Protein backbone atom coordinates (compact mmCIF):
# COMPACT_ATOMS: atom_id res chain seq x y z
CA MET A 1 13.51 44.19 -78.14
CA GLN A 2 12.59 40.80 -76.33
CA GLN A 3 15.39 38.58 -75.03
CA ILE A 4 15.32 35.47 -73.28
CA ILE A 5 17.75 35.46 -70.37
CA LEU A 6 18.81 31.89 -68.88
CA ALA A 7 19.69 30.86 -65.01
CA ASN A 8 22.72 29.18 -64.98
CA PRO A 9 23.06 26.40 -63.56
CA MET A 10 19.79 24.71 -64.31
CA GLY A 11 18.62 21.38 -65.54
CA PHE A 12 19.67 17.71 -64.59
CA CYS A 13 21.90 17.37 -61.36
CA ALA A 14 24.26 14.26 -60.96
CA GLY A 15 21.73 12.64 -58.75
CA VAL A 16 18.92 12.28 -61.48
CA GLU A 17 20.95 11.23 -64.39
CA ARG A 18 22.52 8.23 -62.24
CA ALA A 19 18.73 6.97 -61.46
CA ILE A 20 18.10 7.55 -64.92
CA ASN A 21 21.39 5.59 -66.29
CA ILE A 22 20.78 2.75 -63.75
CA VAL A 23 17.25 2.49 -65.30
CA GLU A 24 18.58 2.33 -68.51
CA HIS A 25 21.06 -0.12 -68.04
CA ALA A 26 18.76 -2.41 -66.57
CA LEU A 27 16.35 -1.96 -69.75
CA ARG A 28 19.56 -3.03 -71.69
CA ILE A 29 20.88 -5.94 -69.46
CA TYR A 30 17.37 -7.53 -68.41
CA LYS A 31 14.84 -6.01 -71.22
CA ALA A 32 11.52 -4.92 -69.99
CA PRO A 33 9.35 -5.29 -67.75
CA ILE A 34 11.46 -3.62 -65.00
CA TYR A 35 10.07 -2.25 -62.06
CA VAL A 36 10.70 0.66 -60.05
CA LYS A 37 9.55 1.83 -56.44
CA HIS A 38 7.89 5.19 -57.22
CA GLU A 39 8.50 7.42 -59.81
CA LEU A 40 12.12 7.26 -60.54
CA VAL A 41 12.22 11.22 -60.70
CA HIS A 42 9.35 13.72 -60.70
CA ASN A 43 9.13 14.46 -64.11
CA LYS A 44 6.54 14.05 -66.25
CA HIS A 45 8.52 13.46 -69.85
CA ILE A 46 10.67 10.97 -68.21
CA ILE A 47 8.45 8.64 -66.10
CA ASN A 48 6.16 8.99 -69.81
CA ASN A 49 9.39 7.68 -71.66
CA PHE A 50 10.27 4.82 -69.27
CA HIS A 51 6.72 3.83 -69.01
CA LYS A 52 6.52 3.30 -73.24
CA ARG A 53 9.37 1.34 -72.77
CA GLY A 54 8.18 -1.69 -70.21
CA VAL A 55 9.00 0.17 -66.88
CA ILE A 56 6.44 -0.27 -64.43
CA PHE A 57 6.37 2.08 -61.54
CA ILE A 58 4.37 0.67 -58.35
CA GLU A 59 4.24 1.98 -54.83
CA SER A 60 3.81 -1.56 -52.97
CA ILE A 61 6.45 -4.12 -53.26
CA SER A 62 3.14 -6.57 -53.31
CA GLN A 63 2.94 -5.36 -57.16
CA VAL A 64 6.26 -7.00 -57.92
CA PRO A 65 6.32 -10.63 -59.19
CA ASP A 66 8.95 -12.83 -58.19
CA ASN A 67 11.64 -13.06 -60.40
CA ALA A 68 11.69 -9.60 -61.57
CA VAL A 69 14.24 -6.80 -61.45
CA LEU A 70 13.23 -3.91 -59.08
CA ILE A 71 14.67 -0.55 -58.72
CA PHE A 72 14.36 2.08 -56.17
CA SER A 73 13.70 5.78 -57.04
CA ALA A 74 16.43 8.28 -56.56
CA HIS A 75 14.28 9.84 -53.60
CA GLY A 76 15.56 6.25 -51.52
CA VAL A 77 13.17 3.98 -49.42
CA SER A 78 12.51 3.21 -45.66
CA LYS A 79 14.16 0.33 -43.78
CA LYS A 80 10.94 -1.55 -43.71
CA ILE A 81 10.67 -1.56 -47.50
CA LYS A 82 14.33 -3.01 -47.74
CA TYR A 83 13.38 -5.70 -45.30
CA GLU A 84 10.25 -6.37 -47.37
CA VAL A 85 12.33 -6.95 -50.41
CA ASN A 86 14.86 -9.28 -49.10
CA LEU A 87 12.10 -11.56 -47.92
CA ARG A 88 10.94 -11.84 -51.58
CA LYS A 89 13.14 -13.40 -54.56
CA PHE A 90 14.23 -11.18 -57.08
CA THR A 91 16.21 -11.41 -60.14
CA MET A 92 18.31 -8.22 -59.61
CA VAL A 93 17.46 -5.11 -56.81
CA TYR A 94 19.43 -1.82 -57.69
CA ASP A 95 19.20 1.18 -55.65
CA ALA A 96 19.05 4.38 -57.57
CA THR A 97 18.50 6.55 -54.23
CA CYS A 98 20.78 9.94 -54.52
CA PRO A 99 24.10 9.62 -53.04
CA LEU A 100 23.14 12.85 -51.14
CA VAL A 101 19.92 11.20 -49.91
CA THR A 102 21.99 8.39 -48.75
CA ARG A 103 23.90 10.59 -46.69
CA VAL A 104 21.08 11.89 -44.97
CA HIS A 105 19.70 8.06 -44.05
CA MET A 106 23.05 7.32 -42.83
CA ASP A 107 23.20 10.72 -40.48
CA VAL A 108 19.55 9.73 -39.17
CA LYS A 109 20.73 6.01 -38.68
CA LYS A 110 23.48 7.14 -36.66
CA ALA A 111 21.49 9.48 -34.35
CA SER A 112 18.95 6.61 -33.82
CA ASN A 113 21.78 4.22 -33.03
CA LEU A 114 22.72 7.40 -30.44
CA GLY A 115 19.18 7.29 -28.62
CA LYS A 116 18.80 10.93 -30.47
CA GLU A 117 16.03 12.79 -30.95
CA ILE A 118 15.30 13.86 -34.40
CA ILE A 119 13.52 17.06 -35.63
CA LEU A 120 13.43 16.61 -39.73
CA ILE A 121 12.28 19.49 -41.74
CA GLY A 122 10.63 18.55 -45.11
CA HIS A 123 7.29 18.31 -46.82
CA ALA A 124 5.29 15.77 -45.50
CA GLY A 125 3.84 12.82 -47.93
CA HIS A 126 7.24 13.17 -49.82
CA PRO A 127 8.98 9.60 -51.04
CA GLU A 128 11.95 11.22 -49.67
CA VAL A 129 10.70 12.46 -46.11
CA GLU A 130 9.07 9.18 -45.84
CA GLY A 131 12.29 7.22 -46.78
CA THR A 132 14.21 9.16 -44.49
CA ILE A 133 11.88 8.89 -41.52
CA GLY A 134 11.99 5.21 -42.15
CA GLN A 135 15.70 5.19 -41.31
CA TYR A 136 14.94 5.54 -37.38
CA ASP A 137 13.85 2.70 -35.40
CA ASN A 138 14.78 3.91 -31.96
CA LYS A 139 11.52 3.31 -29.39
CA LYS A 140 12.89 4.86 -26.81
CA ALA A 141 13.48 8.28 -28.57
CA GLY A 142 11.81 10.17 -31.22
CA ILE A 143 11.71 11.44 -35.09
CA TYR A 144 9.31 14.51 -35.56
CA LEU A 145 8.40 16.21 -39.09
CA ILE A 146 7.96 19.74 -39.37
CA GLU A 147 7.20 21.95 -42.27
CA SER A 148 7.44 25.61 -40.94
CA GLU A 149 8.34 27.66 -37.78
CA ASN A 150 4.55 27.45 -36.72
CA ASP A 151 5.08 23.60 -36.43
CA ILE A 152 7.98 24.49 -33.98
CA TYR A 153 5.98 25.68 -31.17
CA ASN A 154 3.47 22.28 -31.15
CA LEU A 155 6.24 20.16 -30.86
CA LYS A 156 6.65 17.92 -27.69
CA ILE A 157 10.07 16.39 -27.83
CA LYS A 158 11.02 13.72 -25.02
CA ASN A 159 14.62 14.91 -24.30
CA GLU A 160 15.80 18.35 -25.42
CA ASN A 161 19.08 17.72 -24.21
CA HIS A 162 19.71 15.13 -26.89
CA LEU A 163 18.28 16.47 -29.84
CA CYS A 164 19.34 17.32 -33.67
CA TYR A 165 17.82 18.55 -36.76
CA MET A 166 17.99 17.08 -40.09
CA THR A 167 16.52 18.22 -43.42
CA GLN A 168 15.05 17.15 -46.79
CA THR A 169 17.65 17.93 -49.73
CA THR A 170 14.95 19.69 -51.70
CA LEU A 171 13.95 22.58 -49.44
CA SER A 172 14.30 26.46 -50.06
CA ILE A 173 17.34 27.80 -48.61
CA SER A 174 15.96 30.90 -46.91
CA ASP A 175 12.87 29.01 -45.43
CA THR A 176 15.08 26.09 -44.21
CA LYS A 177 17.60 28.82 -42.60
CA SER A 178 14.69 30.94 -40.68
CA ILE A 179 13.12 27.36 -39.67
CA ILE A 180 16.79 26.42 -38.09
CA ASN A 181 17.06 29.86 -36.28
CA ALA A 182 13.74 29.35 -34.80
CA LEU A 183 14.64 25.67 -33.84
CA HIS A 184 17.77 27.15 -32.09
CA ILE A 185 16.07 29.60 -30.08
CA ARG A 186 13.01 27.10 -29.07
CA PHE A 187 15.94 24.46 -28.43
CA PRO A 188 18.95 25.87 -27.48
CA LYS A 189 21.05 22.49 -27.02
CA ILE A 190 19.89 21.29 -31.13
CA THR A 191 22.64 20.32 -32.79
CA GLY A 192 22.61 20.17 -37.09
CA PRO A 193 24.23 17.63 -39.44
CA ARG A 194 27.94 17.47 -39.95
CA LYS A 195 27.61 18.33 -43.82
CA GLU A 196 24.40 20.64 -45.03
CA HIS A 197 21.59 18.02 -46.31
CA ILE A 198 20.35 20.57 -48.87
CA CYS A 199 22.02 19.37 -52.10
CA TYR A 200 24.14 21.25 -54.16
CA ALA A 201 21.63 21.55 -57.16
CA THR A 202 19.28 22.48 -55.24
CA THR A 203 21.26 25.27 -53.71
CA ASN A 204 22.92 26.31 -57.01
CA ARG A 205 19.62 26.46 -58.81
CA GLN A 206 18.16 28.46 -56.12
CA ILE A 207 21.24 31.13 -55.97
CA ALA A 208 21.15 31.23 -59.74
CA VAL A 209 17.40 32.38 -60.00
CA ASN A 210 17.93 34.73 -57.54
CA THR A 211 20.68 36.10 -59.45
CA LEU A 212 18.21 36.19 -62.21
CA ILE A 213 15.16 37.75 -61.14
CA ASN A 214 16.13 41.16 -60.36
CA LYS A 215 17.08 41.00 -64.86
CA ILE A 216 13.69 39.93 -66.10
CA ASP A 217 10.10 40.29 -66.05
CA ILE A 218 8.52 37.07 -66.36
CA LEU A 219 9.87 33.39 -64.72
CA ILE A 220 9.42 30.00 -66.35
CA VAL A 221 10.54 27.23 -64.36
CA VAL A 222 10.53 24.21 -66.60
CA GLY A 223 9.49 21.04 -64.29
CA SER A 224 6.55 18.98 -63.32
CA LYS A 225 4.20 19.77 -60.82
CA ASN A 226 5.32 17.03 -58.33
CA SER A 227 9.11 18.18 -58.30
CA SER A 228 9.91 19.53 -54.93
CA ASN A 229 12.97 21.53 -56.62
CA SER A 230 11.07 22.60 -59.18
CA ASN A 231 8.57 24.30 -56.81
CA ARG A 232 10.96 26.05 -55.14
CA LEU A 233 12.42 27.86 -57.63
CA LEU A 234 9.03 28.56 -58.98
CA GLU A 235 8.29 30.43 -55.40
CA ILE A 236 11.35 32.71 -55.48
CA GLY A 237 9.75 34.34 -58.30
CA GLN A 238 6.10 34.44 -56.82
CA GLN A 239 7.96 35.84 -53.96
CA TYR A 240 9.69 38.67 -55.79
CA GLY A 241 6.28 39.60 -57.20
CA ILE A 242 7.40 38.50 -60.76
CA PRO A 243 4.73 36.60 -63.04
CA SER A 244 5.97 32.89 -62.60
CA PHE A 245 4.62 29.65 -64.52
CA LEU A 246 5.88 25.93 -64.08
CA ILE A 247 5.58 24.26 -67.28
CA ASP A 248 6.47 20.60 -68.66
CA TYR A 249 6.32 21.01 -72.58
CA PRO A 250 6.17 23.88 -74.81
CA LYS A 251 2.29 23.34 -75.35
CA ASP A 252 1.73 24.37 -71.61
CA ILE A 253 2.94 28.04 -72.47
CA GLN A 254 0.57 30.50 -72.87
CA ILE A 255 2.30 32.92 -75.56
CA ALA A 256 -0.07 35.48 -74.91
CA GLN A 257 1.45 36.35 -71.76
CA LEU A 258 4.70 36.89 -73.20
CA ASN A 259 3.72 39.50 -75.56
CA ASN A 260 5.66 42.72 -74.90
CA ILE A 261 7.44 40.96 -72.28
CA LYS A 262 11.12 42.71 -72.63
CA ASN A 263 13.05 39.99 -70.87
CA ILE A 264 12.02 36.19 -70.57
CA GLY A 265 13.90 34.40 -67.39
CA ILE A 266 14.18 30.60 -67.89
CA THR A 267 15.26 27.86 -65.35
CA ALA A 268 14.92 24.26 -64.88
CA GLY A 269 14.38 21.74 -62.10
CA ALA A 270 17.50 19.40 -61.36
CA SER A 271 14.96 16.20 -62.64
CA THR A 272 14.38 18.27 -65.89
CA PRO A 273 15.79 16.91 -69.46
CA ASN A 274 17.94 19.65 -71.21
CA PHE A 275 16.39 18.98 -74.27
CA ILE A 276 12.94 19.80 -73.02
CA VAL A 277 14.52 23.28 -71.83
CA GLN A 278 15.83 23.83 -75.25
CA ASN A 279 12.50 22.64 -76.97
CA ILE A 280 11.05 25.64 -75.09
CA ILE A 281 13.60 27.81 -75.48
CA ASN A 282 13.48 27.32 -79.60
CA TYR A 283 9.54 27.66 -79.17
CA ILE A 284 9.98 30.72 -77.45
CA LYS A 285 12.76 32.31 -79.96
CA LYS A 286 10.38 31.15 -83.02
CA THR A 287 6.72 32.18 -81.78
CA LEU A 288 7.90 35.72 -80.73
CA LYS A 289 10.83 36.08 -83.27
CA ILE A 290 13.45 36.65 -80.62
CA THR A 291 17.05 36.51 -81.62
CA THR A 292 18.66 37.48 -78.54
CA VAL A 293 19.24 34.85 -75.79
CA ILE A 294 21.88 35.37 -72.99
CA LYS A 295 22.68 32.81 -70.34
CA LEU A 296 24.26 34.18 -67.05
CA PRO A 297 27.56 33.22 -65.78
CA GLY A 298 27.39 30.87 -62.92
CA VAL A 299 28.75 27.43 -60.87
CA ASP A 300 30.25 24.84 -63.27
CA GLU A 301 28.83 21.84 -61.87
CA LYS A 302 31.36 18.87 -62.61
CA ILE A 303 30.01 16.45 -59.97
CA ILE A 304 29.18 12.80 -61.29
CA PHE A 305 27.87 9.87 -59.44
CA PRO A 306 28.73 6.63 -60.88
CA ILE A 307 26.33 3.63 -61.54
CA PRO A 308 26.83 0.45 -58.71
CA LYS A 309 29.73 -1.77 -59.46
CA LYS A 310 27.24 -4.97 -59.75
CA PHE A 311 26.07 -3.17 -63.25
CA LYS A 312 29.45 -2.50 -64.54
CA ASP A 313 30.09 -6.09 -63.96
CA ASN A 314 26.68 -7.31 -65.66
CA LEU A 315 27.59 -5.14 -68.73
CA ILE A 316 30.86 -6.82 -68.73
CA ASN A 317 28.98 -10.07 -69.31
CA TYR A 318 26.72 -8.47 -71.61
CA LYS A 319 28.92 -7.59 -73.69
CA THR A 320 30.92 -10.80 -73.78
CA ILE A 321 27.78 -12.83 -74.36
CA LYS A 322 26.44 -10.22 -77.21
């Protein structure tokens, strides 16, 4: 008998929910168009939905007209972008950067002010990484991006005695641990952040998939292809040699691949809406006539990141005017 087994937790994290709430409130208060620097979060459904409602996603501040409302994405932006914004005249600017990414930014700024060299573990070209590198402005020291252990051996550090490492928030836990171990071997005096930079949601979802993996025969990860944390979940299944697929919608499922599969595992990235996950579960249940769905025990996430205070003030004014 076929059954569906669900990883726990999966889906939305507090940072994504906060970013979405900020855009929702902006649409409610100011109406369309609203401009967002980069995709708000890396999920196709969310971006398409906001686009239809008048949200315009841009990569350059020059694309935003004067007196517009501008929002920074959950991935964060560089100091240079904020400086550029300050030179312009906008009706309102909101920062939807995940607070856990902001914490990394603060650590980079502090290290930069102290003249420390930084080795940043992350994926080149990812907007979070670009924003993090953009917090560093010490001309006498440097920040160096690496993606793998192999990159370590090509590094040329100016001052190995004044060196620290930091990480992107959505990396593979196991891969990052191996890289950090290699860094300590190459640079014995290197130090790390006071608090782990890989975020709670990334960690919890990877642990949940590792718990799920020995109970399933196939893994379906619900998330978009440009989502870093969704791809890390996919990689866990691939590393265990289990057929693993990354999908956005029920229509992406090749149902023939699920025929005769006894245990179908499902998880979702931190930027995936819960109703999309439920739609996929319902589609598989209906198509394959599955009646058993098991949700594994897991961490109960209760973290909430509030929206900015100035939004609350504006909402009070909005309600009064209305």
